[in-house]
Amino acid sequence: MPKELQLRLKEGDLAPDFSAPANGGGNISLADLKGKNVILYFYPKDDTPGCTKEACAFRDQFAEFKRRGAVVLGVSPDSAKSHDKFIEKFKLPFPLLADEDKKIVEAYGVWGEKSFMGRKYMGTHRVTFLIGGDGRIKKIWPQVKPDEHANEVLAAL
């Protein structure tokens, strides 16, 4: 079991603003989404088993997120080119942000020590933030089960 990540941000805090390249070109910033609920989900790496499950669960529920007026954004340190391949392969209908300089993962406190098969390394923790239209964090999921997570987020909207 991974050691619990100590998040600096709390529910009710103002979400750190960001602007990042998205798949397919262009930039997306939090400021551009004011007035909307934003689901900002952080994941370690494109096209890996858990990340694919999580992305596909959001894909399968995407129509419902859209119906409820929510924006879904995935964030990982992968490049926009990597995101393009991941989106194409799994027909993902929402943007993925390329955080290659790790500014967003660090601002949200989800970059930290991880451990896999006894090896310690730095990486992105699987954490999701629900940001309200007022720019404040409404809910944080610090422990995510990839295949059930999209339903948990929908239930919170």
C-alpha atoms as a PDB file:
ATOM      1  CA  MET A   1       0.000   0.000   0.000  1.00  0.00           C
ATOM      2  CA  PRO A   2       1.495   3.379  -0.964  1.00  0.00           C
ATOM      3  CA  LYS A   3       2.260   5.678   1.906  1.00  0.00           C
ATOM      4  CA  GLU A   4      -0.394   8.328   2.372  1.00  0.00           C
ATOM      5  CA  LEU A   5       0.359  11.506   0.479  1.00  0.00           C
ATOM      6  CA  GLN A   6       0.168  14.583   2.687  1.00  0.00           C
ATOM      7  CA  LEU A   7      -1.782  17.092   0.619  1.00  0.00           C
ATOM      8  CA  ARG A   8      -1.215  20.786   1.329  1.00  0.00           C
ATOM      9  CA  LEU A   9      -4.485  21.798  -0.304  1.00  0.00           C
ATOM     10  CA  LYS A  10      -7.755  21.310   1.552  1.00  0.00           C
ATOM     11  CA  GLU A  11     -11.392  21.383   0.544  1.00  0.00           C
ATOM     12  CA  GLY A  12     -12.513  25.017   0.514  1.00  0.00           C
ATOM     13  CA  ASP A  13      -9.085  26.329  -0.589  1.00  0.00           C
ATOM     14  CA  LEU A  14      -8.728  28.385  -3.745  1.00  0.00           C
ATOM     15  CA  ALA A  15      -7.487  26.052  -6.474  1.00  0.00           C
ATOM     16  CA  PRO A  16      -4.066  27.019  -7.864  1.00  0.00           C
ATOM     17  CA  ASP A  17      -4.454  28.509 -11.339  1.00  0.00           C
ATOM     18  CA  PHE A  18      -2.624  26.816 -14.192  1.00  0.00           C
ATOM     19  CA  SER A  19      -2.173  27.010 -17.916  1.00  0.00           C
ATOM     20  CA  ALA A  20      -0.794  24.034 -19.807  1.00  0.00           C
ATOM     21  CA  PRO A  21      -0.531  22.603 -23.306  1.00  0.00           C
ATOM     22  CA  ALA A  22      -3.318  20.171 -24.128  1.00  0.00           C
ATOM     23  CA  ASN A  23      -3.468  17.309 -26.595  1.00  0.00           C
ATOM     24  CA  GLY A  24      -4.168  18.460 -30.131  1.00  0.00           C
ATOM     25  CA  GLY A  25      -2.453  21.831 -29.563  1.00  0.00           C
ATOM     26  CA  GLY A  26      -3.502  24.935 -27.665  1.00  0.00           C
ATOM     27  CA  ASN A  27      -3.430  25.703 -23.970  1.00  0.00           C
ATOM     28  CA  ILE A  28      -6.065  25.267 -21.283  1.00  0.00           C
ATOM     29  CA  SER A  29      -6.098  27.363 -18.139  1.00  0.00           C
ATOM     30  CA  LEU A  30      -8.246  27.123 -15.046  1.00  0.00           C
ATOM     31  CA  ALA A  31      -9.150  30.820 -15.365  1.00  0.00           C
ATOM     32  CA  ASP A  32     -10.835  30.068 -18.731  1.00  0.00           C
ATOM     33  CA  LEU A  33     -13.188  27.625 -16.993  1.00  0.00           C
ATOM     34  CA  LYS A  34     -14.548  29.985 -14.328  1.00  0.00           C
ATOM     35  CA  GLY A  35     -18.201  29.275 -13.567  1.00  0.00           C
ATOM     36  CA  LYS A  36     -17.911  25.558 -14.343  1.00  0.00           C
ATOM     37  CA  ASN A  37     -17.255  22.544 -12.155  1.00  0.00           C
ATOM     38  CA  VAL A  38     -13.853  21.183 -13.161  1.00  0.00           C
ATOM     39  CA  ILE A  39     -12.783  17.622 -12.480  1.00  0.00           C
ATOM     40  CA  LEU A  40      -8.998  17.769 -12.416  1.00  0.00           C
ATOM     41  CA  TYR A  41      -7.646  14.256 -12.214  1.00  0.00           C
ATOM     42  CA  PHE A  42      -3.940  13.554 -11.875  1.00  0.00           C
ATOM     43  CA  TYR A  43      -2.529  10.255 -13.100  1.00  0.00           C
ATOM     44  CA  PRO A  44       1.018   8.853 -13.382  1.00  0.00           C
ATOM     45  CA  LYS A  45       1.447   7.845 -17.048  1.00  0.00           C
ATOM     46  CA  ASP A  46      -0.376   7.531 -20.374  1.00  0.00           C
ATOM     47  CA  ASP A  47      -1.322   4.043 -21.583  1.00  0.00           C
ATOM     48  CA  THR A  48      -0.457   2.123 -18.405  1.00  0.00           C
ATOM     49  CA  PRO A  49      -2.988  -0.316 -16.877  1.00  0.00           C
ATOM     50  CA  GLY A  50      -4.411   1.760 -13.987  1.00  0.00           C
ATOM     51  CA  CYS A  51      -4.302   5.048 -15.902  1.00  0.00           C
ATOM     52  CA  THR A  52      -6.046   3.482 -18.884  1.00  0.00           C
ATOM     53  CA  LYS A  53      -8.799   2.044 -16.637  1.00  0.00           C
ATOM     54  CA  GLU A  54      -9.334   5.429 -15.000  1.00  0.00           C
ATOM     55  CA  ALA A  55      -9.356   7.348 -18.300  1.00  0.00           C
ATOM     56  CA  CYS A  56     -11.774   4.860 -19.891  1.00  0.00           C
ATOM     57  CA  ALA A  57     -14.116   5.083 -16.870  1.00  0.00           C
ATOM     58  CA  PHE A  58     -14.237   8.884 -17.288  1.00  0.00           C
ATOM     59  CA  ARG A  59     -14.760   8.336 -21.041  1.00  0.00           C
ATOM     60  CA  ASP A  60     -17.659   5.939 -20.438  1.00  0.00           C
ATOM     61  CA  GLN A  61     -19.369   8.427 -18.075  1.00  0.00           C
ATOM     62  CA  PHE A  62     -18.401  11.530 -20.097  1.00  0.00           C
ATOM     63  CA  ALA A  63     -21.900  12.211 -21.476  1.00  0.00           C
ATOM     64  CA  GLU A  64     -23.209  12.357 -17.902  1.00  0.00           C
ATOM     65  CA  PHE A  65     -20.418  14.701 -16.750  1.00  0.00           C
ATOM     66  CA  LYS A  66     -21.191  16.937 -19.722  1.00  0.00           C
ATOM     67  CA  ARG A  67     -24.935  16.822 -18.998  1.00  0.00           C
ATOM     68  CA  ARG A  68     -24.175  18.041 -15.475  1.00  0.00           C
ATOM     69  CA  GLY A  69     -22.052  20.890 -16.864  1.00  0.00           C
ATOM     70  CA  ALA A  70     -18.722  19.560 -15.590  1.00  0.00           C
ATOM     71  CA  VAL A  71     -15.393  19.752 -17.416  1.00  0.00           C
ATOM     72  CA  VAL A  72     -13.081  16.731 -17.163  1.00  0.00           C
ATOM     73  CA  LEU A  73      -9.310  17.340 -17.412  1.00  0.00           C
ATOM     74  CA  GLY A  74      -6.603  14.710 -17.005  1.00  0.00           C
ATOM     75  CA  VAL A  75      -3.088  15.806 -16.016  1.00  0.00           C
ATOM     76  CA  SER A  76       0.193  13.893 -16.174  1.00  0.00           C
ATOM     77  CA  PRO A  77       3.846  14.786 -16.807  1.00  0.00           C
ATOM     78  CA  ASP A  78       3.630  13.125 -20.257  1.00  0.00           C
ATOM     79  CA  SER A  79       4.056  15.221 -23.420  1.00  0.00           C
ATOM     80  CA  ALA A  80       1.145  16.489 -25.534  1.00  0.00           C
ATOM     81  CA  LYS A  81       2.297  14.060 -28.258  1.00  0.00           C
ATOM     82  CA  SER A  82       2.018  11.142 -25.815  1.00  0.00           C
ATOM     83  CA  HIS A  83      -1.460  12.405 -24.824  1.00  0.00           C
ATOM     84  CA  ASP A  84      -2.490  12.536 -28.509  1.00  0.00           C
ATOM     85  CA  LYS A  85      -1.624   8.829 -28.912  1.00  0.00           C
ATOM     86  CA  PHE A  86      -3.379   7.879 -25.646  1.00  0.00           C
ATOM     87  CA  ILE A  87      -6.530   9.779 -26.656  1.00  0.00           C
ATOM     88  CA  GLU A  88      -6.580   8.310 -30.137  1.00  0.00           C
ATOM     89  CA  LYS A  89      -6.029   4.745 -28.908  1.00  0.00           C
ATOM     90  CA  PHE A  90      -8.846   4.874 -26.335  1.00  0.00           C
ATOM     91  CA  LYS A  91     -11.143   7.503 -27.967  1.00  0.00           C
ATOM     92  CA  LEU A  92     -10.999   9.811 -24.946  1.00  0.00           C
ATOM     93  CA  PRO A  93     -13.453  12.744 -25.370  1.00  0.00           C
ATOM     94  CA  PHE A  94     -11.812  15.125 -22.874  1.00  0.00           C
ATOM     95  CA  PRO A  95      -8.517  17.055 -22.833  1.00  0.00           C
ATOM     96  CA  LEU A  96      -5.307  15.801 -21.267  1.00  0.00           C
ATOM     97  CA  LEU A  97      -2.846  18.425 -20.052  1.00  0.00           C
ATOM     98  CA  ALA A  98       0.904  18.015 -20.538  1.00  0.00           C
ATOM     99  CA  ASP A  99       2.673  18.995 -17.320  1.00  0.00           C
ATOM    100  CA  GLU A 100       6.215  18.220 -18.464  1.00  0.00           C
ATOM    101  CA  ASP A 101       7.767  20.863 -16.172  1.00  0.00           C
ATOM    102  CA  LYS A 102       5.691  19.470 -13.258  1.00  0.00           C
ATOM    103  CA  LYS A 103       4.365  22.922 -12.276  1.00  0.00           C
ATOM    104  CA  ILE A 104       0.764  21.719 -11.905  1.00  0.00           C
ATOM    105  CA  VAL A 105       1.533  18.470 -10.049  1.00  0.00           C
ATOM    106  CA  GLU A 106       3.712  20.465  -7.650  1.00  0.00           C
ATOM    107  CA  ALA A 107       1.154  23.282  -7.204  1.00  0.00           C
ATOM    108  CA  TYR A 108      -1.494  20.686  -6.297  1.00  0.00           C
ATOM    109  CA  GLY A 109       0.915  18.694  -4.111  1.00  0.00           C
ATOM    110  CA  VAL A 110       0.483  15.394  -5.966  1.00  0.00           C
ATOM    111  CA  TRP A 111       4.153  14.966  -6.961  1.00  0.00           C
ATOM    112  CA  GLY A 112       6.028  12.934  -4.385  1.00  0.00           C
ATOM    113  CA  GLU A 113       7.796   9.785  -3.370  1.00  0.00           C
ATOM    114  CA  LYS A 114       6.248   6.544  -4.528  1.00  0.00           C
ATOM    115  CA  SER A 115       7.305   2.967  -4.137  1.00  0.00           C
ATOM    116  CA  PHE A 116       6.934   0.054  -6.544  1.00  0.00           C
ATOM    117  CA  MET A 117       8.264  -3.436  -5.797  1.00  0.00           C
ATOM    118  CA  GLY A 118      10.533  -2.048  -3.089  1.00  0.00           C
ATOM    119  CA  ARG A 119      11.992   0.670  -5.328  1.00  0.00           C
ATOM    120  CA  LYS A 120      11.412   4.285  -4.296  1.00  0.00           C
ATOM    121  CA  TYR A 121      11.073   6.984  -6.935  1.00  0.00           C
ATOM    122  CA  MET A 122       9.417  10.366  -7.521  1.00  0.00           C
ATOM    123  CA  GLY A 123       6.141  10.393  -9.415  1.00  0.00           C
ATOM    124  CA  THR A 124       2.595  11.644  -9.762  1.00  0.00           C
ATOM    125  CA  HIS A 125       0.078  10.340  -7.251  1.00  0.00           C
ATOM    126  CA  ARG A 126      -3.392   9.423  -8.469  1.00  0.00           C
ATOM    127  CA  VAL A 127      -5.462  12.213  -6.885  1.00  0.00           C
ATOM    128  CA  THR A 128      -8.589  14.012  -8.131  1.00  0.00           C
ATOM    129  CA  PHE A 129      -9.829  17.505  -7.310  1.00  0.00           C
ATOM    130  CA  LEU A 130     -13.350  18.785  -7.915  1.00  0.00           C
ATOM    131  CA  ILE A 131     -13.090  22.546  -8.389  1.00  0.00           C
ATOM    132  CA  GLY A 132     -16.291  24.581  -8.193  1.00  0.00           C
ATOM    133  CA  GLY A 133     -17.302  27.416 -10.500  1.00  0.00           C
ATOM    134  CA  ASP A 134     -16.011  29.860  -7.875  1.00  0.00           C
ATOM    135  CA  GLY A 135     -12.477  28.443  -8.206  1.00  0.00           C
ATOM    136  CA  ARG A 136     -12.563  26.749  -4.795  1.00  0.00           C
ATOM    137  CA  ILE A 137     -11.812  23.074  -4.201  1.00  0.00           C
ATOM    138  CA  LYS A 138     -15.111  21.350  -3.414  1.00  0.00           C
ATOM    139  CA  LYS A 139     -13.796  17.825  -2.952  1.00  0.00           C
ATOM    140  CA  ILE A 140     -10.515  15.911  -3.003  1.00  0.00           C
ATOM    141  CA  TRP A 141     -10.083  12.183  -3.596  1.00  0.00           C
ATOM    142  CA  PRO A 142      -6.596  11.358  -2.247  1.00  0.00           C
ATOM    143  CA  GLN A 143      -6.978   7.582  -2.785  1.00  0.00           C
ATOM    144  CA  VAL A 144      -8.409   6.591  -6.157  1.00  0.00           C
ATOM    145  CA  LYS A 145      -9.495   3.148  -7.346  1.00  0.00           C
ATOM    146  CA  PRO A 146      -9.232   3.590 -11.143  1.00  0.00           C
ATOM    147  CA  ASP A 147     -12.253   1.540 -12.219  1.00  0.00           C
ATOM    148  CA  GLU A 148     -14.755   2.939  -9.631  1.00  0.00           C
ATOM    149  CA  HIS A 149     -13.541   6.513  -9.517  1.00  0.00           C
ATOM    150  CA  ALA A 150     -15.625   8.165 -12.273  1.00  0.00           C
ATOM    151  CA  ASN A 151     -18.813   7.019 -10.500  1.00  0.00           C
ATOM    152  CA  GLU A 152     -17.584   8.487  -7.163  1.00  0.00           C
ATOM    153  CA  VAL A 153     -16.944  11.834  -8.854  1.00  0.00           C
ATOM    154  CA  LEU A 154     -20.347  11.808 -10.578  1.00  0.00           C
ATOM    155  CA  ALA A 155     -22.026  11.139  -7.237  1.00  0.00           C
ATOM    156  CA  ALA A 156     -20.363  14.287  -5.819  1.00  0.00           C
ATOM    157  CA  LEU A 157     -21.619  16.609  -8.585  1.00  0.00           C
END
